[in-house]
C-alpha cells in the first residue's frame, strides 16, 4: 500500500514538472467592415488555424478600426502590440519602399498577370522585404481595381478630373498619380471619408467597388467611372516580434492558414464585386465604362518618373516580362 502511494506521488510530481503546451491567441486588427470579404477571409483563417493547431493557436479579431487606421496598425505591429493586421500595399510603401511598385498605374496587363506576380517568386520576395521594418507579409488578398467616384461631376476622361479634390490613401505614389491627372490629391483617413464627402472637403475619391458600396459612399457620390487605374493588393502582415516567438511548427500553421484564407478570399471577392456594382447601380449611381487609353497615356510620364529609381525599374521590368 505504502509503495503504491509513493508511486502515485512520484507520477504526480513528474506530471507537474513536465512542460505544458500553452495555447496562444494572436491579436488581429484591421480597418474594414465586418461584411467585407477580407474580414470574412480572416475569420476563416482563424478557424483554419485553430483546426490545424488542434486549438493551440487561435485568432482574436478587432475589425472596423477599433484599434486604429491602417498606418497606426502597422506601427502597433512594429511594436508587437498586435500580432497581425491587414493593410493596403499602398500604405506599406511608407515603411517598405519596394511596395511602391503596386501603386504604379496600369502595372498589370490583366488578372492572370496579377495572379502570376502575387502567387509567384516576385510576390513572395516582396512579402519578406519588410522584415527589416519589424513586420513580414503572410499572404495577399485581392483588393480589385481602384477607380474614381465623384459627387457632382461626371468623369469620362482624365481632363474631367481637373481641379477636383480627390481623396487618396496616405501613399506618395497615389498622391502623385492623382496630381498627375491635374486633380488635387487629398489624403484623408478612410474612416473620415464619408463625412468629408458630405461636407465638401473633397469632391470624390478612388477605390474598388466593394469598398465604395460597403462604406455607403454611393449615397453621396453618384458617378463611378471604371477606369481601373491601379490594382493594389491588400497584404496580411505579421509582427516580426510575434514571428520570432513562434516555433517552426507554429509558423507553418500560420502560413498554411493564411494561404487557405487567401484562396477563400479570392473567390469571395469575385462575388462581392458583382454584388457591389449591381447594388450601387440600383441605388442610382451612374456607372461609366470609359475608354481607358487616355488614362493609360496620361499616366505614362508618372510611371517613367518613378522608374528613374534603378531598384524600382528592375522590379517593374521583371513584372512586365512575366508571362
C-alpha atoms as a PDB file:
ATOM      1  CA  UNK A   1       0.000   0.000   0.000  1.00  0.00           C
ATOM      2  CA  UNK A   2       2.793   2.363   1.003  1.00  0.00           C
ATOM      3  CA  UNK A   3       4.735   1.548  -2.181  1.00  0.00           C
ATOM      4  CA  UNK A   4       1.648   2.274  -4.290  1.00  0.00           C
ATOM      5  CA  UNK A   5       1.216   5.656  -2.575  1.00  0.00           C
ATOM      6  CA  UNK A   6       4.871   6.522  -3.258  1.00  0.00           C
ATOM      7  CA  UNK A   7       4.434   5.546  -6.922  1.00  0.00           C
ATOM      8  CA  UNK A   8       1.308   7.746  -7.256  1.00  0.00           C
ATOM      9  CA  UNK A   9       3.093  10.701  -5.649  1.00  0.00           C
ATOM     10  CA  UNK A  10       6.122  10.186  -7.922  1.00  0.00           C
ATOM     11  CA  UNK A  11       3.934  10.127 -11.064  1.00  0.00           C
ATOM     12  CA  UNK A  12       2.049  13.243  -9.907  1.00  0.00           C
ATOM     13  CA  UNK A  13       5.359  15.036  -9.386  1.00  0.00           C
ATOM     14  CA  UNK A  14       6.563  14.061 -12.856  1.00  0.00           C
ATOM     15  CA  UNK A  15       3.363  15.343 -14.446  1.00  0.00           C
ATOM     16  CA  UNK A  16       3.505  18.622 -12.551  1.00  0.00           C
ATOM     17  CA  UNK A  17       7.101  19.198 -13.660  1.00  0.00           C
ATOM     18  CA  UNK A  18       6.585  18.309 -17.318  1.00  0.00           C
ATOM     19  CA  UNK A  19       6.337  21.286 -19.699  1.00  0.00           C
ATOM     20  CA  UNK A  20       2.799  22.284 -20.617  1.00  0.00           C
ATOM     21  CA  UNK A  21       1.767  23.273 -24.113  1.00  0.00           C
ATOM     22  CA  UNK A  22       0.498  26.842 -23.813  1.00  0.00           C
ATOM     23  CA  UNK A  23      -2.378  27.872 -26.023  1.00  0.00           C
ATOM     24  CA  UNK A  24      -1.772  31.183 -27.785  1.00  0.00           C
ATOM     25  CA  UNK A  25      -4.214  33.776 -29.049  1.00  0.00           C
ATOM     26  CA  UNK A  26      -2.957  36.088 -31.801  1.00  0.00           C
ATOM     27  CA  UNK A  27      -4.490  39.569 -31.938  1.00  0.00           C
ATOM     28  CA  UNK A  28      -5.528  40.582 -35.465  1.00  0.00           C
ATOM     29  CA  UNK A  29      -6.752  44.145 -36.059  1.00  0.00           C
ATOM     30  CA  UNK A  30      -7.958  45.734 -39.289  1.00  0.00           C
ATOM     31  CA  UNK A  31      -9.927  48.747 -40.544  1.00  0.00           C
ATOM     32  CA  UNK A  32     -12.618  47.091 -42.676  1.00  0.00           C
ATOM     33  CA  UNK A  33     -16.327  46.496 -42.164  1.00  0.00           C
ATOM     34  CA  UNK A  34     -17.295  43.022 -40.916  1.00  0.00           C
ATOM     35  CA  UNK A  35     -19.258  42.423 -44.129  1.00  0.00           C
ATOM     36  CA  UNK A  36     -16.134  42.847 -46.265  1.00  0.00           C
ATOM     37  CA  UNK A  37     -14.731  39.746 -47.979  1.00  0.00           C
ATOM     38  CA  UNK A  38     -11.337  40.334 -46.341  1.00  0.00           C
ATOM     39  CA  UNK A  39     -12.864  40.250 -42.849  1.00  0.00           C
ATOM     40  CA  UNK A  40     -14.703  37.043 -43.715  1.00  0.00           C
ATOM     41  CA  UNK A  41     -11.443  35.559 -45.002  1.00  0.00           C
ATOM     42  CA  UNK A  42      -9.678  36.418 -41.758  1.00  0.00           C
ATOM     43  CA  UNK A  43     -12.460  34.785 -39.741  1.00  0.00           C
ATOM     44  CA  UNK A  44     -11.939  31.734 -41.963  1.00  0.00           C
ATOM     45  CA  UNK A  45      -8.190  31.940 -41.304  1.00  0.00           C
ATOM     46  CA  UNK A  46      -8.833  31.833 -37.559  1.00  0.00           C
ATOM     47  CA  UNK A  47     -10.986  28.736 -37.934  1.00  0.00           C
ATOM     48  CA  UNK A  48      -8.384  27.026 -40.102  1.00  0.00           C
ATOM     49  CA  UNK A  49      -5.556  27.917 -37.719  1.00  0.00           C
ATOM     50  CA  UNK A  50      -7.448  26.527 -34.751  1.00  0.00           C
ATOM     51  CA  UNK A  51      -8.085  23.290 -36.688  1.00  0.00           C
ATOM     52  CA  UNK A  52      -4.501  22.940 -37.939  1.00  0.00           C
ATOM     53  CA  UNK A  53      -3.059  23.523 -34.471  1.00  0.00           C
ATOM     54  CA  UNK A  54      -5.669  21.425 -32.636  1.00  0.00           C
ATOM     55  CA  UNK A  55      -6.649  24.513 -30.648  1.00  0.00           C
ATOM     56  CA  UNK A  56      -3.119  25.556 -29.686  1.00  0.00           C
ATOM     57  CA  UNK A  57      -3.272  28.729 -31.806  1.00  0.00           C
ATOM     58  CA  UNK A  58      -6.301  30.997 -32.090  1.00  0.00           C
ATOM     59  CA  UNK A  59      -7.003  34.425 -33.535  1.00  0.00           C
ATOM     60  CA  UNK A  60      -8.979  37.233 -31.927  1.00  0.00           C
ATOM     61  CA  UNK A  61     -10.132  39.831 -34.458  1.00  0.00           C
ATOM     62  CA  UNK A  62     -10.621  43.568 -33.847  1.00  0.00           C
ATOM     63  CA  UNK A  63     -12.362  44.930 -37.001  1.00  0.00           C
ATOM     64  CA  UNK A  64     -13.631  48.339 -38.145  1.00  0.00           C
ATOM     65  CA  UNK A  65     -10.697  50.470 -36.918  1.00  0.00           C
ATOM     66  CA  UNK A  66     -11.298  49.513 -33.282  1.00  0.00           C
ATOM     67  CA  UNK A  67      -7.531  49.786 -32.716  1.00  0.00           C
ATOM     68  CA  UNK A  68      -6.747  52.397 -35.364  1.00  0.00           C
ATOM     69  CA  UNK A  69      -6.378  53.085 -39.073  1.00  0.00           C
ATOM     70  CA  UNK A  70      -4.029  51.066 -41.295  1.00  0.00           C
ATOM     71  CA  UNK A  71      -0.881  53.133 -40.737  1.00  0.00           C
ATOM     72  CA  UNK A  72      -1.447  53.090 -36.973  1.00  0.00           C
ATOM     73  CA  UNK A  73      -1.943  49.332 -37.070  1.00  0.00           C
ATOM     74  CA  UNK A  74       1.375  48.867 -38.872  1.00  0.00           C
ATOM     75  CA  UNK A  75       3.068  50.910 -36.155  1.00  0.00           C
ATOM     76  CA  UNK A  76       1.426  48.723 -33.483  1.00  0.00           C
ATOM     77  CA  UNK A  77       2.665  45.712 -35.438  1.00  0.00           C
ATOM     78  CA  UNK A  78       6.244  47.023 -35.288  1.00  0.00           C
ATOM     79  CA  UNK A  79       5.975  47.307 -31.513  1.00  0.00           C
ATOM     80  CA  UNK A  80       4.437  43.855 -31.140  1.00  0.00           C
ATOM     81  CA  UNK A  81       1.339  45.438 -29.546  1.00  0.00           C
ATOM     82  CA  UNK A  82      -0.777  43.495 -32.033  1.00  0.00           C
ATOM     83  CA  UNK A  83       0.228  40.342 -33.874  1.00  0.00           C
ATOM     84  CA  UNK A  84      -1.396  40.512 -37.322  1.00  0.00           C
ATOM     85  CA  UNK A  85      -3.020  43.157 -39.477  1.00  0.00           C
ATOM     86  CA  UNK A  86      -4.333  43.658 -42.994  1.00  0.00           C
ATOM     87  CA  UNK A  87      -3.252  46.727 -44.862  1.00  0.00           C
ATOM     88  CA  UNK A  88      -3.190  48.029 -48.394  1.00  0.00           C
ATOM     89  CA  UNK A  89       0.173  47.653 -50.132  1.00  0.00           C
ATOM     90  CA  UNK A  90      -0.066  51.423 -50.746  1.00  0.00           C
ATOM     91  CA  UNK A  91       0.208  52.053 -47.011  1.00  0.00           C
ATOM     92  CA  UNK A  92       3.088  49.580 -46.620  1.00  0.00           C
ATOM     93  CA  UNK A  93       5.177  51.596 -49.105  1.00  0.00           C
ATOM     94  CA  UNK A  94       5.660  54.320 -46.454  1.00  0.00           C
ATOM     95  CA  UNK A  95       7.658  51.740 -44.499  1.00  0.00           C
ATOM     96  CA  UNK A  96       8.993  49.358 -47.153  1.00  0.00           C
ATOM     97  CA  UNK A  97       9.716  51.185 -50.446  1.00  0.00           C
ATOM     98  CA  UNK A  98       9.616  48.054 -52.615  1.00  0.00           C
ATOM     99  CA  UNK A  99       5.825  48.068 -52.213  1.00  0.00           C
ATOM    100  CA  UNK A 100       5.628  51.284 -54.290  1.00  0.00           C
ATOM    101  CA  UNK A 101       5.563  49.044 -57.338  1.00  0.00           C
ATOM    102  CA  UNK A 102       1.923  48.070 -56.699  1.00  0.00           C
ATOM    103  CA  UNK A 103       0.756  51.702 -56.813  1.00  0.00           C
ATOM    104  CA  UNK A 104       2.060  52.302 -60.332  1.00  0.00           C
ATOM    105  CA  UNK A 105      -0.874  52.867 -62.707  1.00  0.00           C
ATOM    106  CA  UNK A 106      -1.727  50.011 -65.055  1.00  0.00           C
ATOM    107  CA  UNK A 107       1.060  47.770 -63.762  1.00  0.00           C
ATOM    108  CA  UNK A 108      -0.739  44.533 -64.655  1.00  0.00           C
ATOM    109  CA  UNK A 109      -1.964  43.511 -68.094  1.00  0.00           C
ATOM    110  CA  UNK A 110      -4.915  41.552 -66.694  1.00  0.00           C
ATOM    111  CA  UNK A 111      -5.995  39.434 -63.700  1.00  0.00           C
ATOM    112  CA  UNK A 112      -3.944  36.423 -64.795  1.00  0.00           C
ATOM    113  CA  UNK A 113      -0.818  38.577 -64.933  1.00  0.00           C
ATOM    114  CA  UNK A 114      -1.535  39.954 -61.458  1.00  0.00           C
ATOM    115  CA  UNK A 115      -2.028  36.482 -60.007  1.00  0.00           C
ATOM    116  CA  UNK A 116       1.205  35.260 -61.611  1.00  0.00           C
ATOM    117  CA  UNK A 117       3.052  38.052 -59.798  1.00  0.00           C
ATOM    118  CA  UNK A 118       1.347  37.700 -56.415  1.00  0.00           C
ATOM    119  CA  UNK A 119       1.454  33.903 -56.307  1.00  0.00           C
ATOM    120  CA  UNK A 120       4.974  33.580 -57.687  1.00  0.00           C
ATOM    121  CA  UNK A 121       8.547  34.257 -56.647  1.00  0.00           C
ATOM    122  CA  UNK A 122       8.231  38.040 -57.063  1.00  0.00           C
ATOM    123  CA  UNK A 123       5.256  38.222 -54.730  1.00  0.00           C
ATOM    124  CA  UNK A 124       6.927  36.039 -52.107  1.00  0.00           C
ATOM    125  CA  UNK A 125      10.104  38.113 -52.257  1.00  0.00           C
ATOM    126  CA  UNK A 126       8.119  41.290 -51.635  1.00  0.00           C
ATOM    127  CA  UNK A 127       6.336  39.710 -48.652  1.00  0.00           C
ATOM    128  CA  UNK A 128       9.659  39.186 -46.879  1.00  0.00           C
ATOM    129  CA  UNK A 129      11.197  42.503 -47.968  1.00  0.00           C
ATOM    130  CA  UNK A 130       9.709  44.295 -44.955  1.00  0.00           C
ATOM    131  CA  UNK A 131      11.313  42.201 -42.200  1.00  0.00           C
ATOM    132  CA  UNK A 132      13.884  44.934 -41.543  1.00  0.00           C
ATOM    133  CA  UNK A 133      10.932  47.138 -40.565  1.00  0.00           C
ATOM    134  CA  UNK A 134       9.793  44.570 -37.964  1.00  0.00           C
ATOM    135  CA  UNK A 135       6.901  43.001 -39.853  1.00  0.00           C
ATOM    136  CA  UNK A 136       6.571  40.438 -42.656  1.00  0.00           C
ATOM    137  CA  UNK A 137       3.901  39.519 -45.172  1.00  0.00           C
ATOM    138  CA  UNK A 138       1.998  36.269 -44.849  1.00  0.00           C
ATOM    139  CA  UNK A 139      -0.126  36.480 -47.997  1.00  0.00           C
ATOM    140  CA  UNK A 140      -2.017  38.788 -50.325  1.00  0.00           C
ATOM    141  CA  UNK A 141      -5.732  39.439 -50.572  1.00  0.00           C
ATOM    142  CA  UNK A 142      -7.440  40.591 -53.745  1.00  0.00           C
ATOM    143  CA  UNK A 143      -8.442  44.242 -53.485  1.00  0.00           C
ATOM    144  CA  UNK A 144      -9.665  44.550 -57.032  1.00  0.00           C
ATOM    145  CA  UNK A 145      -9.079  47.593 -59.188  1.00  0.00           C
ATOM    146  CA  UNK A 146      -9.336  51.152 -57.958  1.00  0.00           C
ATOM    147  CA  UNK A 147     -11.438  53.644 -59.918  1.00  0.00           C
ATOM    148  CA  UNK A 148     -12.670  57.205 -59.406  1.00  0.00           C
ATOM    149  CA  UNK A 149     -16.059  58.177 -57.969  1.00  0.00           C
ATOM    150  CA  UNK A 150     -17.352  61.735 -57.734  1.00  0.00           C
ATOM    151  CA  UNK A 151     -20.214  63.720 -56.257  1.00  0.00           C
ATOM    152  CA  UNK A 152     -21.265  66.178 -58.938  1.00  0.00           C
ATOM    153  CA  UNK A 153     -19.049  65.938 -61.994  1.00  0.00           C
ATOM    154  CA  UNK A 154     -19.351  63.107 -64.483  1.00  0.00           C
ATOM    155  CA  UNK A 155     -15.842  61.823 -65.278  1.00  0.00           C
ATOM    156  CA  UNK A 156     -15.127  60.081 -68.547  1.00  0.00           C
ATOM    157  CA  UNK A 157     -11.575  61.247 -69.383  1.00  0.00           C
ATOM    158  CA  UNK A 158      -8.579  62.425 -67.321  1.00  0.00           C
ATOM    159  CA  UNK A 159      -9.442  66.021 -68.341  1.00  0.00           C
ATOM    160  CA  UNK A 160     -12.713  65.720 -66.412  1.00  0.00           C
ATOM    161  CA  UNK A 161     -10.746  65.308 -63.157  1.00  0.00           C
ATOM    162  CA  UNK A 162      -9.036  68.670 -63.477  1.00  0.00           C
ATOM    163  CA  UNK A 163      -9.426  70.807 -60.361  1.00  0.00           C
ATOM    164  CA  UNK A 164     -11.344  68.208 -58.345  1.00  0.00           C
ATOM    165  CA  UNK A 165     -10.255  67.408 -54.796  1.00  0.00           C
ATOM    166  CA  UNK A 166      -9.857  63.630 -54.743  1.00  0.00           C
ATOM    167  CA  UNK A 167      -9.257  61.673 -51.553  1.00  0.00           C
ATOM    168  CA  UNK A 168      -6.301  59.276 -51.728  1.00  0.00           C
ATOM    169  CA  UNK A 169      -4.562  56.898 -49.346  1.00  0.00           C
ATOM    170  CA  UNK A 170      -1.503  58.027 -47.408  1.00  0.00           C
ATOM    171  CA  UNK A 171       0.714  56.948 -50.298  1.00  0.00           C
ATOM    172  CA  UNK A 172       3.156  59.234 -52.103  1.00  0.00           C
ATOM    173  CA  UNK A 173       2.635  57.259 -55.290  1.00  0.00           C
ATOM    174  CA  UNK A 174      -1.164  57.614 -55.094  1.00  0.00           C
ATOM    175  CA  UNK A 175      -0.817  61.343 -54.380  1.00  0.00           C
ATOM    176  CA  UNK A 176       1.419  61.885 -57.384  1.00  0.00           C
ATOM    177  CA  UNK A 177      -0.827  59.784 -59.616  1.00  0.00           C
ATOM    178  CA  UNK A 178      -3.925  61.879 -58.844  1.00  0.00           C
ATOM    179  CA  UNK A 179      -1.963  65.124 -59.145  1.00  0.00           C
ATOM    180  CA  UNK A 180      -0.678  63.863 -62.490  1.00  0.00           C
ATOM    181  CA  UNK A 181      -4.312  63.816 -63.669  1.00  0.00           C
ATOM    182  CA  UNK A 182      -4.489  67.536 -62.715  1.00  0.00           C
ATOM    183  CA  UNK A 183      -6.733  66.832 -59.730  1.00  0.00           C
ATOM    184  CA  UNK A 184      -5.862  67.830 -56.165  1.00  0.00           C
ATOM    185  CA  UNK A 185      -4.866  64.722 -54.202  1.00  0.00           C
ATOM    186  CA  UNK A 186      -6.143  64.959 -50.620  1.00  0.00           C
ATOM    187  CA  UNK A 187      -5.011  62.280 -48.114  1.00  0.00           C
ATOM    188  CA  UNK A 188      -7.787  61.619 -45.585  1.00  0.00           C
ATOM    189  CA  UNK A 189      -8.165  58.636 -43.212  1.00  0.00           C
ATOM    190  CA  UNK A 190     -10.619  56.153 -44.684  1.00  0.00           C
ATOM    191  CA  UNK A 191     -12.922  56.295 -41.641  1.00  0.00           C
ATOM    192  CA  UNK A 192     -13.365  60.076 -42.086  1.00  0.00           C
ATOM    193  CA  UNK A 193     -14.098  59.986 -45.802  1.00  0.00           C
ATOM    194  CA  UNK A 194     -17.902  59.746 -45.699  1.00  0.00           C
ATOM    195  CA  UNK A 195     -18.245  62.976 -43.728  1.00  0.00           C
ATOM    196  CA  UNK A 196     -15.529  64.628 -45.846  1.00  0.00           C
ATOM    197  CA  UNK A 197     -17.577  63.843 -48.956  1.00  0.00           C
ATOM    198  CA  UNK A 198     -20.793  65.052 -47.335  1.00  0.00           C
ATOM    199  CA  UNK A 199     -19.254  68.320 -46.204  1.00  0.00           C
ATOM    200  CA  UNK A 200     -17.494  69.031 -49.489  1.00  0.00           C
ATOM    201  CA  UNK A 201     -13.980  68.706 -48.094  1.00  0.00           C
ATOM    202  CA  UNK A 202     -13.332  66.517 -51.153  1.00  0.00           C
ATOM    203  CA  UNK A 203     -15.219  66.145 -54.441  1.00  0.00           C
ATOM    204  CA  UNK A 204     -14.605  62.451 -54.810  1.00  0.00           C
ATOM    205  CA  UNK A 205     -12.319  59.528 -54.093  1.00  0.00           C
ATOM    206  CA  UNK A 206     -10.988  56.342 -55.679  1.00  0.00           C
ATOM    207  CA  UNK A 207     -11.484  52.777 -54.572  1.00  0.00           C
ATOM    208  CA  UNK A 208     -12.748  49.347 -55.590  1.00  0.00           C
ATOM    209  CA  UNK A 209     -16.476  48.507 -55.966  1.00  0.00           C
ATOM    210  CA  UNK A 210     -16.998  46.614 -52.661  1.00  0.00           C
ATOM    211  CA  UNK A 211     -15.384  49.415 -50.635  1.00  0.00           C
ATOM    212  CA  UNK A 212     -17.449  52.032 -52.481  1.00  0.00           C
ATOM    213  CA  UNK A 213     -20.582  50.046 -51.643  1.00  0.00           C
ATOM    214  CA  UNK A 214     -19.911  48.886 -48.058  1.00  0.00           C
ATOM    215  CA  UNK A 215     -18.853  52.355 -46.897  1.00  0.00           C
ATOM    216  CA  UNK A 216     -22.101  53.745 -48.358  1.00  0.00           C
ATOM    217  CA  UNK A 217     -20.136  56.367 -50.272  1.00  0.00           C
ATOM    218  CA  UNK A 218     -22.618  55.781 -53.101  1.00  0.00           C
ATOM    219  CA  UNK A 219     -25.139  57.742 -51.008  1.00  0.00           C
ATOM    220  CA  UNK A 220     -23.059  60.866 -51.638  1.00  0.00           C
ATOM    221  CA  UNK A 221     -21.257  60.126 -54.923  1.00  0.00           C
ATOM    222  CA  UNK A 222     -23.458  59.435 -57.922  1.00  0.00           C
ATOM    223  CA  UNK A 223     -20.801  58.858 -60.593  1.00  0.00           C
ATOM    224  CA  UNK A 224     -18.437  55.880 -60.697  1.00  0.00           C
ATOM    225  CA  UNK A 225     -16.021  55.701 -63.631  1.00  0.00           C
ATOM    226  CA  UNK A 226     -14.412  52.270 -64.004  1.00  0.00           C
ATOM    227  CA  UNK A 227     -11.091  53.465 -65.394  1.00  0.00           C
ATOM    228  CA  UNK A 228      -9.340  50.890 -63.115  1.00  0.00           C
ATOM    229  CA  UNK A 229      -6.090  52.819 -62.754  1.00  0.00           C
ATOM    230  CA  UNK A 230      -4.429  50.610 -60.146  1.00  0.00           C
ATOM    231  CA  UNK A 231      -4.657  47.052 -58.793  1.00  0.00           C
ATOM    232  CA  UNK A 232      -3.196  47.490 -55.321  1.00  0.00           C
ATOM    233  CA  UNK A 233      -3.460  44.252 -53.316  1.00  0.00           C
ATOM    234  CA  UNK A 234      -4.118  44.013 -49.615  1.00  0.00           C
ATOM    235  CA  UNK A 235      -1.348  42.409 -47.574  1.00  0.00           C
ATOM    236  CA  UNK A 236      -1.735  40.254 -44.478  1.00  0.00           C
ATOM    237  CA  UNK A 237       1.158  41.210 -42.179  1.00  0.00           C
ATOM    238  CA  UNK A 238       2.501  39.624 -39.003  1.00  0.00           C
ATOM    239  CA  UNK A 239       4.714  41.353 -36.458  1.00  0.00           C
ATOM    240  CA  UNK A 240       8.342  40.232 -36.586  1.00  0.00           C
ATOM    241  CA  UNK A 241       8.249  40.357 -32.770  1.00  0.00           C
ATOM    242  CA  UNK A 242       5.476  37.756 -32.843  1.00  0.00           C
ATOM    243  CA  UNK A 243       7.083  35.724 -35.624  1.00  0.00           C
ATOM    244  CA  UNK A 244      10.293  35.258 -33.664  1.00  0.00           C
ATOM    245  CA  UNK A 245       8.319  33.950 -30.679  1.00  0.00           C
ATOM    246  CA  UNK A 246       6.604  31.255 -32.746  1.00  0.00           C
ATOM    247  CA  UNK A 247       8.073  27.784 -33.121  1.00  0.00           C
ATOM    248  CA  UNK A 248       8.762  26.383 -36.584  1.00  0.00           C
ATOM    249  CA  UNK A 249       5.612  24.275 -36.302  1.00  0.00           C
ATOM    250  CA  UNK A 250       3.523  27.288 -35.297  1.00  0.00           C
ATOM    251  CA  UNK A 251       4.911  29.310 -38.217  1.00  0.00           C
ATOM    252  CA  UNK A 252       3.907  26.537 -40.613  1.00  0.00           C
ATOM    253  CA  UNK A 253       0.370  26.526 -39.182  1.00  0.00           C
ATOM    254  CA  UNK A 254       0.080  30.310 -39.531  1.00  0.00           C
ATOM    255  CA  UNK A 255       1.398  30.327 -43.105  1.00  0.00           C
ATOM    256  CA  UNK A 256      -0.889  27.477 -44.140  1.00  0.00           C
ATOM    257  CA  UNK A 257      -3.956  29.120 -42.561  1.00  0.00           C
ATOM    258  CA  UNK A 258      -3.087  32.414 -44.277  1.00  0.00           C
ATOM    259  CA  UNK A 259      -2.719  30.658 -47.637  1.00  0.00           C
ATOM    260  CA  UNK A 260      -6.083  28.933 -47.257  1.00  0.00           C
ATOM    261  CA  UNK A 261      -7.746  32.226 -46.322  1.00  0.00           C
ATOM    262  CA  UNK A 262      -6.224  33.887 -49.406  1.00  0.00           C
ATOM    263  CA  UNK A 263      -7.762  31.282 -51.707  1.00  0.00           C
ATOM    264  CA  UNK A 264     -11.098  31.664 -49.918  1.00  0.00           C
ATOM    265  CA  UNK A 265     -10.986  35.476 -50.155  1.00  0.00           C
ATOM    266  CA  UNK A 266     -10.170  35.468 -53.873  1.00  0.00           C
ATOM    267  CA  UNK A 267     -13.384  33.547 -54.504  1.00  0.00           C
ATOM    268  CA  UNK A 268     -15.420  35.802 -52.220  1.00  0.00           C
ATOM    269  CA  UNK A 269     -14.006  38.867 -53.949  1.00  0.00           C
ATOM    270  CA  UNK A 270     -15.357  37.924 -57.364  1.00  0.00           C
ATOM    271  CA  UNK A 271     -18.854  37.605 -55.913  1.00  0.00           C
ATOM    272  CA  UNK A 272     -18.608  40.815 -53.858  1.00  0.00           C
ATOM    273  CA  UNK A 273     -17.527  42.905 -56.875  1.00  0.00           C
ATOM    274  CA  UNK A 274     -20.545  41.866 -58.914  1.00  0.00           C
ATOM    275  CA  UNK A 275     -22.911  42.343 -55.962  1.00  0.00           C
ATOM    276  CA  UNK A 276     -21.481  45.796 -55.211  1.00  0.00           C
ATOM    277  CA  UNK A 277     -21.792  47.100 -58.770  1.00  0.00           C
ATOM    278  CA  UNK A 278     -25.362  45.836 -59.004  1.00  0.00           C
ATOM    279  CA  UNK A 279     -26.307  47.379 -55.653  1.00  0.00           C
ATOM    280  CA  UNK A 280     -24.879  50.851 -56.304  1.00  0.00           C
ATOM    281  CA  UNK A 281     -26.444  50.952 -59.761  1.00  0.00           C
ATOM    282  CA  UNK A 282     -29.821  50.090 -58.242  1.00  0.00           C
ATOM    283  CA  UNK A 283     -29.246  52.906 -55.736  1.00  0.00           C
ATOM    284  CA  UNK A 284     -28.974  55.413 -58.577  1.00  0.00           C
ATOM    285  CA  UNK A 285     -25.228  55.571 -59.246  1.00  0.00           C
ATOM    286  CA  UNK A 286     -24.264  56.026 -62.886  1.00  0.00           C
ATOM    287  CA  UNK A 287     -21.525  53.514 -63.714  1.00  0.00           C
ATOM    288  CA  UNK A 288     -19.341  54.754 -66.544  1.00  0.00           C
ATOM    289  CA  UNK A 289     -17.221  52.393 -68.673  1.00  0.00           C
ATOM    290  CA  UNK A 290     -14.693  54.722 -70.300  1.00  0.00           C
ATOM    291  CA  UNK A 291     -12.037  54.202 -72.932  1.00  0.00           C
ATOM    292  CA  UNK A 292      -9.031  53.528 -70.697  1.00  0.00           C
ATOM    293  CA  UNK A 293      -6.475  54.572 -73.302  1.00  0.00           C
ATOM    294  CA  UNK A 294      -6.420  58.291 -72.316  1.00  0.00           C
ATOM    295  CA  UNK A 295      -5.948  57.332 -68.657  1.00  0.00           C
ATOM    296  CA  UNK A 296      -3.105  54.950 -69.555  1.00  0.00           C
ATOM    297  CA  UNK A 297      -1.402  57.551 -71.753  1.00  0.00           C
ATOM    298  CA  UNK A 298      -1.756  60.288 -69.143  1.00  0.00           C
ATOM    299  CA  UNK A 299      -0.157  58.046 -66.517  1.00  0.00           C
ATOM    300  CA  UNK A 300       2.961  57.201 -68.558  1.00  0.00           C
ATOM    301  CA  UNK A 301       5.038  60.263 -67.508  1.00  0.00           C
ATOM    302  CA  UNK A 302       4.419  59.399 -63.862  1.00  0.00           C
ATOM    303  CA  UNK A 303       5.464  55.773 -64.404  1.00  0.00           C
ATOM    304  CA  UNK A 304       8.659  56.905 -66.147  1.00  0.00           C
ATOM    305  CA  UNK A 305       9.382  59.314 -63.316  1.00  0.00           C
ATOM    306  CA  UNK A 306       9.181  56.542 -60.737  1.00  0.00           C
ATOM    307  CA  UNK A 307      11.261  54.215 -62.868  1.00  0.00           C
ATOM    308  CA  UNK A 308      14.228  56.565 -62.507  1.00  0.00           C
ATOM    309  CA  UNK A 309      14.811  54.546 -59.335  1.00  0.00           C
ATOM    310  CA  UNK A 310      17.013  51.618 -60.539  1.00  0.00           C
ATOM    311  CA  UNK A 311      15.575  49.188 -57.985  1.00  0.00           C
ATOM    312  CA  UNK A 312      12.009  50.017 -58.987  1.00  0.00           C
ATOM    313  CA  UNK A 313      12.821  49.792 -62.702  1.00  0.00           C
ATOM    314  CA  UNK A 314      14.411  46.375 -62.250  1.00  0.00           C
ATOM    315  CA  UNK A 315      11.347  45.123 -60.418  1.00  0.00           C
ATOM    316  CA  UNK A 316       8.993  46.695 -62.973  1.00  0.00           C
ATOM    317  CA  UNK A 317      10.836  45.053 -65.875  1.00  0.00           C
ATOM    318  CA  UNK A 318      10.767  41.723 -64.083  1.00  0.00           C
ATOM    319  CA  UNK A 319       6.987  42.001 -63.687  1.00  0.00           C
ATOM    320  CA  UNK A 320       6.410  43.055 -67.300  1.00  0.00           C
ATOM    321  CA  UNK A 321       8.498  40.139 -68.613  1.00  0.00           C
ATOM    322  CA  UNK A 322       6.433  37.622 -66.628  1.00  0.00           C
ATOM    323  CA  UNK A 323       4.117  35.608 -68.834  1.00  0.00           C
END
